[in-house]
Amino acid sequence: AGFDRFISVSIFLNSAIMSTRYVGIAEEHSHALDVLSFGFTLLFAIECLAKIAAFGRIYFLDRWNTFDFTVVSGSIFGLTANALTGEDKGLSLIPLMRSARLLQRAQALRILFQTMLNVLPSL
């Protein structure tokens, strides 16, 4: 429970910090956000890898874990693309999807989100 709480607080902080990016941002502020984004992505990648190591294939049977894996992979891809090209291709918004994991804490919203995940493949 303590680790989950730590991750939830980290997700909240990551979302709050990333929401401070704006057009015309000072270079120093932008660099600080990039460093923080890298740090949070590293933290969430370690969490994801630890869960995969602990649970094996069972990890992917849970939709939240699959969603988390997708967001972490997309975040790593986005950071890599931004580093290689030197410009933000809009992929920095992927980590903000991580805040959807906070929905897991609210049962009613979790049911709604789960329903959306079940319906999306049929569209």
N, C-alpha and C. Protein backbone atom coordinates (compact mmCIF):
# COMPACT_ATOMS: atom_id res chain seq x y z
N ALA A 1 0.83 -1.20 0.00
CA ALA A 1 0.00 0.00 0.00
C ALA A 1 0.86 1.25 0.00
N GLY A 2 1.99 1.21 0.70
CA GLY A 2 2.88 2.36 0.76
C GLY A 2 3.50 2.67 -0.59
N PHE A 3 3.92 1.61 -1.31
CA PHE A 3 4.52 1.80 -2.62
C PHE A 3 3.50 2.34 -3.61
N ASP A 4 2.27 1.80 -3.56
CA ASP A 4 1.21 2.29 -4.45
C ASP A 4 0.90 3.75 -4.17
N ARG A 5 0.90 4.13 -2.91
CA ARG A 5 0.66 5.52 -2.55
C ARG A 5 1.78 6.41 -3.09
N PHE A 6 3.03 5.93 -2.97
CA PHE A 6 4.18 6.68 -3.49
C PHE A 6 4.06 6.88 -5.00
N ILE A 7 3.67 5.83 -5.72
CA ILE A 7 3.50 5.92 -7.17
C ILE A 7 2.35 6.87 -7.51
N SER A 8 1.26 6.80 -6.76
CA SER A 8 0.13 7.70 -7.01
C SER A 8 0.53 9.17 -6.81
N VAL A 9 1.26 9.44 -5.75
CA VAL A 9 1.74 10.81 -5.50
C VAL A 9 2.70 11.22 -6.62
N SER A 10 3.54 10.30 -7.07
CA SER A 10 4.47 10.60 -8.16
C SER A 10 3.72 10.91 -9.45
N ILE A 11 2.66 10.16 -9.73
CA ILE A 11 1.84 10.42 -10.92
C ILE A 11 1.22 11.81 -10.82
N PHE A 12 0.67 12.13 -9.65
CA PHE A 12 0.06 13.44 -9.46
C PHE A 12 1.09 14.55 -9.66
N LEU A 13 2.26 14.41 -9.04
CA LEU A 13 3.32 15.42 -9.17
C LEU A 13 3.79 15.54 -10.62
N ASN A 14 3.95 14.41 -11.29
CA ASN A 14 4.35 14.42 -12.69
C ASN A 14 3.34 15.20 -13.53
N SER A 15 2.07 14.93 -13.33
CA SER A 15 1.02 15.61 -14.09
C SER A 15 1.02 17.10 -13.79
N ALA A 16 1.14 17.45 -12.52
CA ALA A 16 1.14 18.86 -12.12
C ALA A 16 2.34 19.59 -12.71
N ILE A 17 3.51 18.98 -12.62
CA ILE A 17 4.73 19.60 -13.13
C ILE A 17 4.67 19.74 -14.65
N MET A 18 4.23 18.70 -15.34
CA MET A 18 4.18 18.76 -16.81
C MET A 18 3.15 19.78 -17.31
N SER A 19 2.15 20.07 -16.49
CA SER A 19 1.14 21.05 -16.91
C SER A 19 1.66 22.48 -16.83
N THR A 20 2.87 22.67 -16.32
CA THR A 20 3.43 24.03 -16.25
C THR A 20 4.15 24.42 -17.54
N ARG A 21 4.21 23.52 -18.51
CA ARG A 21 4.85 23.84 -19.80
C ARG A 21 3.88 24.70 -20.63
N TYR A 22 4.41 25.73 -21.25
CA TYR A 22 3.59 26.63 -22.06
C TYR A 22 4.43 27.19 -23.21
N VAL A 23 3.75 27.76 -24.20
CA VAL A 23 4.41 28.36 -25.35
C VAL A 23 5.20 29.58 -24.87
N GLY A 24 6.42 29.69 -25.29
CA GLY A 24 7.26 30.80 -24.89
C GLY A 24 7.95 30.60 -23.56
N ILE A 25 8.00 29.38 -23.09
CA ILE A 25 8.60 29.05 -21.81
C ILE A 25 10.10 29.38 -21.85
N ALA A 26 10.64 29.81 -20.73
CA ALA A 26 12.06 30.10 -20.64
C ALA A 26 12.87 28.82 -20.84
N GLU A 27 14.01 28.94 -21.48
CA GLU A 27 14.85 27.78 -21.78
C GLU A 27 15.22 27.00 -20.52
N GLU A 28 15.53 27.70 -19.43
CA GLU A 28 15.91 27.03 -18.18
C GLU A 28 14.75 26.23 -17.61
N HIS A 29 13.55 26.81 -17.66
CA HIS A 29 12.35 26.13 -17.16
C HIS A 29 12.06 24.90 -18.01
N SER A 30 12.19 25.04 -19.32
CA SER A 30 11.95 23.93 -20.23
C SER A 30 12.94 22.80 -19.97
N HIS A 31 14.20 23.16 -19.77
CA HIS A 31 15.22 22.14 -19.49
C HIS A 31 14.92 21.43 -18.17
N ALA A 32 14.52 22.19 -17.15
CA ALA A 32 14.18 21.59 -15.86
C ALA A 32 13.01 20.62 -16.01
N LEU A 33 12.02 20.98 -16.81
CA LEU A 33 10.87 20.10 -17.05
C LEU A 33 11.31 18.83 -17.78
N ASP A 34 12.24 18.98 -18.72
CA ASP A 34 12.75 17.81 -19.45
C ASP A 34 13.46 16.85 -18.51
N VAL A 35 14.27 17.40 -17.60
CA VAL A 35 14.99 16.58 -16.63
C VAL A 35 14.01 15.87 -15.70
N LEU A 36 13.01 16.60 -15.21
CA LEU A 36 12.00 15.99 -14.34
C LEU A 36 11.20 14.93 -15.08
N SER A 37 10.86 15.20 -16.33
CA SER A 37 10.12 14.22 -17.14
C SER A 37 10.93 12.94 -17.30
N PHE A 38 12.22 13.10 -17.56
CA PHE A 38 13.09 11.93 -17.67
C PHE A 38 13.12 11.15 -16.36
N GLY A 39 13.24 11.86 -15.24
CA GLY A 39 13.28 11.21 -13.93
C GLY A 39 12.00 10.45 -13.62
N PHE A 40 10.86 11.07 -13.89
CA PHE A 40 9.59 10.39 -13.65
C PHE A 40 9.43 9.19 -14.58
N THR A 41 9.82 9.34 -15.85
CA THR A 41 9.72 8.23 -16.78
C THR A 41 10.60 7.07 -16.33
N LEU A 42 11.80 7.39 -15.84
CA LEU A 42 12.69 6.35 -15.32
C LEU A 42 12.05 5.64 -14.13
N LEU A 43 11.46 6.41 -13.21
CA LEU A 43 10.79 5.83 -12.04
C LEU A 43 9.67 4.89 -12.47
N PHE A 44 8.83 5.33 -13.41
CA PHE A 44 7.69 4.52 -13.83
C PHE A 44 8.15 3.32 -14.66
N ALA A 45 9.25 3.45 -15.39
CA ALA A 45 9.78 2.31 -16.13
C ALA A 45 10.32 1.25 -15.17
N ILE A 46 10.99 1.70 -14.12
CA ILE A 46 11.48 0.75 -13.10
C ILE A 46 10.32 0.05 -12.42
N GLU A 47 9.26 0.80 -12.10
CA GLU A 47 8.08 0.19 -11.49
C GLU A 47 7.48 -0.86 -12.42
N CYS A 48 7.36 -0.52 -13.70
CA CYS A 48 6.79 -1.43 -14.70
C CYS A 48 7.65 -2.69 -14.83
N LEU A 49 8.95 -2.53 -14.95
CA LEU A 49 9.85 -3.68 -15.08
C LEU A 49 9.84 -4.56 -13.83
N ALA A 50 9.75 -3.93 -12.66
CA ALA A 50 9.70 -4.70 -11.41
C ALA A 50 8.43 -5.54 -11.35
N LYS A 51 7.31 -4.96 -11.78
CA LYS A 51 6.06 -5.72 -11.78
C LYS A 51 6.10 -6.85 -12.79
N ILE A 52 6.68 -6.60 -13.96
CA ILE A 52 6.79 -7.65 -14.97
C ILE A 52 7.68 -8.78 -14.46
N ALA A 53 8.79 -8.41 -13.81
CA ALA A 53 9.69 -9.43 -13.24
C ALA A 53 8.99 -10.23 -12.16
N ALA A 54 8.15 -9.57 -11.37
CA ALA A 54 7.47 -10.26 -10.26
C ALA A 54 6.30 -11.12 -10.75
N PHE A 55 5.53 -10.63 -11.70
CA PHE A 55 4.31 -11.31 -12.11
C PHE A 55 4.43 -12.09 -13.41
N GLY A 56 5.44 -11.81 -14.20
CA GLY A 56 5.58 -12.49 -15.49
C GLY A 56 4.44 -12.11 -16.43
N ARG A 57 3.97 -13.09 -17.20
CA ARG A 57 2.90 -12.85 -18.17
C ARG A 57 1.58 -12.43 -17.53
N ILE A 58 1.39 -12.81 -16.30
CA ILE A 58 0.16 -12.46 -15.59
C ILE A 58 0.00 -10.94 -15.52
N TYR A 59 1.12 -10.23 -15.50
CA TYR A 59 1.10 -8.77 -15.46
C TYR A 59 0.20 -8.20 -16.55
N PHE A 60 0.26 -8.78 -17.74
CA PHE A 60 -0.48 -8.23 -18.89
C PHE A 60 -1.94 -8.65 -18.93
N LEU A 61 -2.38 -9.49 -18.01
CA LEU A 61 -3.79 -9.86 -17.95
C LEU A 61 -4.64 -8.75 -17.34
N ASP A 62 -4.02 -7.86 -16.59
CA ASP A 62 -4.72 -6.73 -16.00
C ASP A 62 -4.67 -5.55 -16.97
N ARG A 63 -5.82 -5.01 -17.32
CA ARG A 63 -5.88 -3.90 -18.29
C ARG A 63 -5.14 -2.66 -17.81
N TRP A 64 -5.15 -2.41 -16.51
CA TRP A 64 -4.43 -1.25 -15.98
C TRP A 64 -2.93 -1.43 -16.19
N ASN A 65 -2.44 -2.63 -16.00
CA ASN A 65 -1.02 -2.87 -16.23
C ASN A 65 -0.66 -2.72 -17.71
N THR A 66 -1.53 -3.21 -18.58
CA THR A 66 -1.30 -3.07 -20.01
C THR A 66 -1.31 -1.59 -20.40
N PHE A 67 -2.27 -0.85 -19.86
CA PHE A 67 -2.34 0.59 -20.10
C PHE A 67 -1.06 1.26 -19.61
N ASP A 68 -0.61 0.92 -18.41
CA ASP A 68 0.59 1.50 -17.83
C ASP A 68 1.81 1.18 -18.69
N PHE A 69 1.93 -0.07 -19.14
CA PHE A 69 3.04 -0.48 -19.99
C PHE A 69 3.04 0.34 -21.29
N THR A 70 1.87 0.54 -21.87
CA THR A 70 1.74 1.32 -23.10
C THR A 70 2.17 2.77 -22.87
N VAL A 71 1.74 3.36 -21.77
CA VAL A 71 2.10 4.75 -21.47
C VAL A 71 3.61 4.87 -21.21
N VAL A 72 4.17 3.94 -20.45
CA VAL A 72 5.61 3.98 -20.17
C VAL A 72 6.40 3.79 -21.48
N SER A 73 5.99 2.85 -22.30
CA SER A 73 6.67 2.64 -23.58
C SER A 73 6.57 3.88 -24.47
N GLY A 74 5.38 4.46 -24.52
CA GLY A 74 5.18 5.69 -25.31
C GLY A 74 6.00 6.84 -24.77
N SER A 75 6.12 6.93 -23.46
CA SER A 75 6.92 7.98 -22.84
C SER A 75 8.39 7.83 -23.22
N ILE A 76 8.89 6.60 -23.17
CA ILE A 76 10.28 6.34 -23.53
C ILE A 76 10.50 6.67 -25.01
N PHE A 77 9.57 6.26 -25.85
CA PHE A 77 9.65 6.57 -27.28
C PHE A 77 9.65 8.08 -27.51
N GLY A 78 8.76 8.79 -26.81
CA GLY A 78 8.67 10.24 -26.96
C GLY A 78 9.94 10.96 -26.51
N LEU A 79 10.48 10.54 -25.36
CA LEU A 79 11.73 11.14 -24.89
C LEU A 79 12.86 10.89 -25.87
N THR A 80 12.91 9.68 -26.42
CA THR A 80 13.96 9.33 -27.38
C THR A 80 13.81 10.15 -28.66
N ALA A 81 12.60 10.24 -29.17
CA ALA A 81 12.35 11.01 -30.40
C ALA A 81 12.69 12.48 -30.19
N ASN A 82 12.29 13.03 -29.05
CA ASN A 82 12.59 14.43 -28.76
C ASN A 82 14.09 14.66 -28.65
N ALA A 83 14.80 13.73 -28.03
CA ALA A 83 16.26 13.86 -27.86
C ALA A 83 16.97 13.76 -29.21
N LEU A 84 16.51 12.86 -30.07
CA LEU A 84 17.15 12.67 -31.37
C LEU A 84 16.89 13.82 -32.34
N THR A 85 15.68 14.37 -32.29
CA THR A 85 15.32 15.43 -33.22
C THR A 85 15.59 16.82 -32.66
N GLY A 86 15.68 16.93 -31.34
CA GLY A 86 15.90 18.22 -30.72
C GLY A 86 14.65 19.09 -30.65
N GLU A 87 13.52 18.51 -30.98
CA GLU A 87 12.27 19.27 -30.90
C GLU A 87 11.15 18.39 -30.38
N ASP A 88 10.17 19.05 -29.79
CA ASP A 88 9.03 18.33 -29.22
C ASP A 88 8.05 18.01 -30.33
N LYS A 89 7.82 16.74 -30.56
CA LYS A 89 6.89 16.29 -31.61
C LYS A 89 5.48 16.08 -31.08
N GLY A 90 5.19 16.62 -29.89
CA GLY A 90 3.88 16.44 -29.30
C GLY A 90 3.77 15.16 -28.50
N LEU A 91 4.84 14.37 -28.49
CA LEU A 91 4.82 13.09 -27.78
C LEU A 91 4.97 13.29 -26.28
N SER A 92 5.29 14.51 -25.85
CA SER A 92 5.43 14.76 -24.42
C SER A 92 4.07 14.73 -23.71
N LEU A 93 3.00 14.68 -24.48
CA LEU A 93 1.67 14.60 -23.87
C LEU A 93 1.35 13.18 -23.42
N ILE A 94 2.08 12.21 -23.93
CA ILE A 94 1.84 10.82 -23.58
C ILE A 94 1.93 10.60 -22.06
N PRO A 95 2.97 11.15 -21.39
CA PRO A 95 3.04 10.92 -19.94
C PRO A 95 1.84 11.47 -19.16
N LEU A 96 1.16 12.47 -19.72
CA LEU A 96 -0.02 13.00 -19.03
C LEU A 96 -1.14 11.97 -18.98
N MET A 97 -1.10 11.01 -19.90
CA MET A 97 -2.09 9.93 -19.87
C MET A 97 -1.94 9.10 -18.61
N ARG A 98 -0.74 9.16 -18.04
CA ARG A 98 -0.46 8.39 -16.83
C ARG A 98 -1.40 8.82 -15.69
N SER A 99 -1.84 10.08 -15.73
CA SER A 99 -2.73 10.55 -14.67
C SER A 99 -4.05 9.77 -14.66
N ALA A 100 -4.37 9.11 -15.76
CA ALA A 100 -5.58 8.27 -15.79
C ALA A 100 -5.47 7.13 -14.78
N ARG A 101 -4.22 6.76 -14.42
CA ARG A 101 -4.05 5.71 -13.42
C ARG A 101 -4.60 6.12 -12.06
N LEU A 102 -4.70 7.42 -11.84
CA LEU A 102 -5.27 7.88 -10.58
C LEU A 102 -6.75 7.52 -10.49
N LEU A 103 -7.36 7.30 -11.66
CA LEU A 103 -8.76 6.88 -11.69
C LEU A 103 -8.96 5.54 -11.01
N GLN A 104 -7.90 4.76 -10.99
CA GLN A 104 -7.98 3.43 -10.38
C GLN A 104 -8.36 3.54 -8.91
N ARG A 105 -8.05 4.65 -8.29
CA ARG A 105 -8.36 4.85 -6.88
C ARG A 105 -9.85 5.12 -6.65
N ALA A 106 -10.49 5.72 -7.62
CA ALA A 106 -11.91 6.05 -7.48
C ALA A 106 -12.74 4.95 -8.15
N GLN A 107 -13.43 4.18 -7.36
CA GLN A 107 -14.14 3.00 -7.86
C GLN A 107 -15.14 3.31 -8.97
N ALA A 108 -15.95 4.35 -8.79
CA ALA A 108 -16.96 4.67 -9.80
C ALA A 108 -16.30 5.08 -11.12
N LEU A 109 -15.27 5.88 -11.03
CA LEU A 109 -14.57 6.29 -12.24
C LEU A 109 -13.82 5.12 -12.86
N ARG A 110 -13.36 4.21 -12.03
CA ARG A 110 -12.66 3.03 -12.53
C ARG A 110 -13.61 2.17 -13.37
N ILE A 111 -14.83 1.99 -12.89
CA ILE A 111 -15.82 1.21 -13.63
C ILE A 111 -16.11 1.87 -14.98
N LEU A 112 -16.25 3.19 -14.98
CA LEU A 112 -16.50 3.93 -16.21
C LEU A 112 -15.32 3.78 -17.17
N PHE A 113 -14.12 3.94 -16.67
CA PHE A 113 -12.93 3.82 -17.52
C PHE A 113 -12.79 2.39 -18.05
N GLN A 114 -13.08 1.40 -17.22
CA GLN A 114 -13.01 0.01 -17.64
C GLN A 114 -14.02 -0.26 -18.76
N THR A 115 -15.20 0.32 -18.63
CA THR A 115 -16.22 0.17 -19.67
C THR A 115 -15.73 0.77 -20.98
N MET A 116 -15.10 1.96 -20.91
CA MET A 116 -14.55 2.58 -22.10
C MET A 116 -13.48 1.70 -22.75
N LEU A 117 -12.61 1.11 -21.93
CA LEU A 117 -11.58 0.22 -22.47
C LEU A 117 -12.19 -1.00 -23.14
N ASN A 118 -13.30 -1.50 -22.62
CA ASN A 118 -13.96 -2.67 -23.20
C ASN A 118 -14.65 -2.32 -24.51
N VAL A 119 -15.17 -1.10 -24.62
CA VAL A 119 -15.93 -0.69 -25.80
C VAL A 119 -15.00 -0.27 -26.95
N LEU A 120 -13.86 0.33 -26.64
CA LEU A 120 -12.97 0.86 -27.68
C LEU A 120 -12.58 -0.15 -28.76
N PRO A 121 -12.23 -1.38 -28.41
CA PRO A 121 -11.85 -2.32 -29.47
C PRO A 121 -12.97 -2.61 -30.48
N SER A 122 -14.21 -2.48 -30.06
CA SER A 122 -15.32 -2.77 -30.97
C SER A 122 -15.64 -1.61 -31.91
N LEU A 123 -15.01 -0.45 -31.67
CA LEU A 123 -15.26 0.69 -32.54
C LEU A 123 -14.44 0.56 -33.75
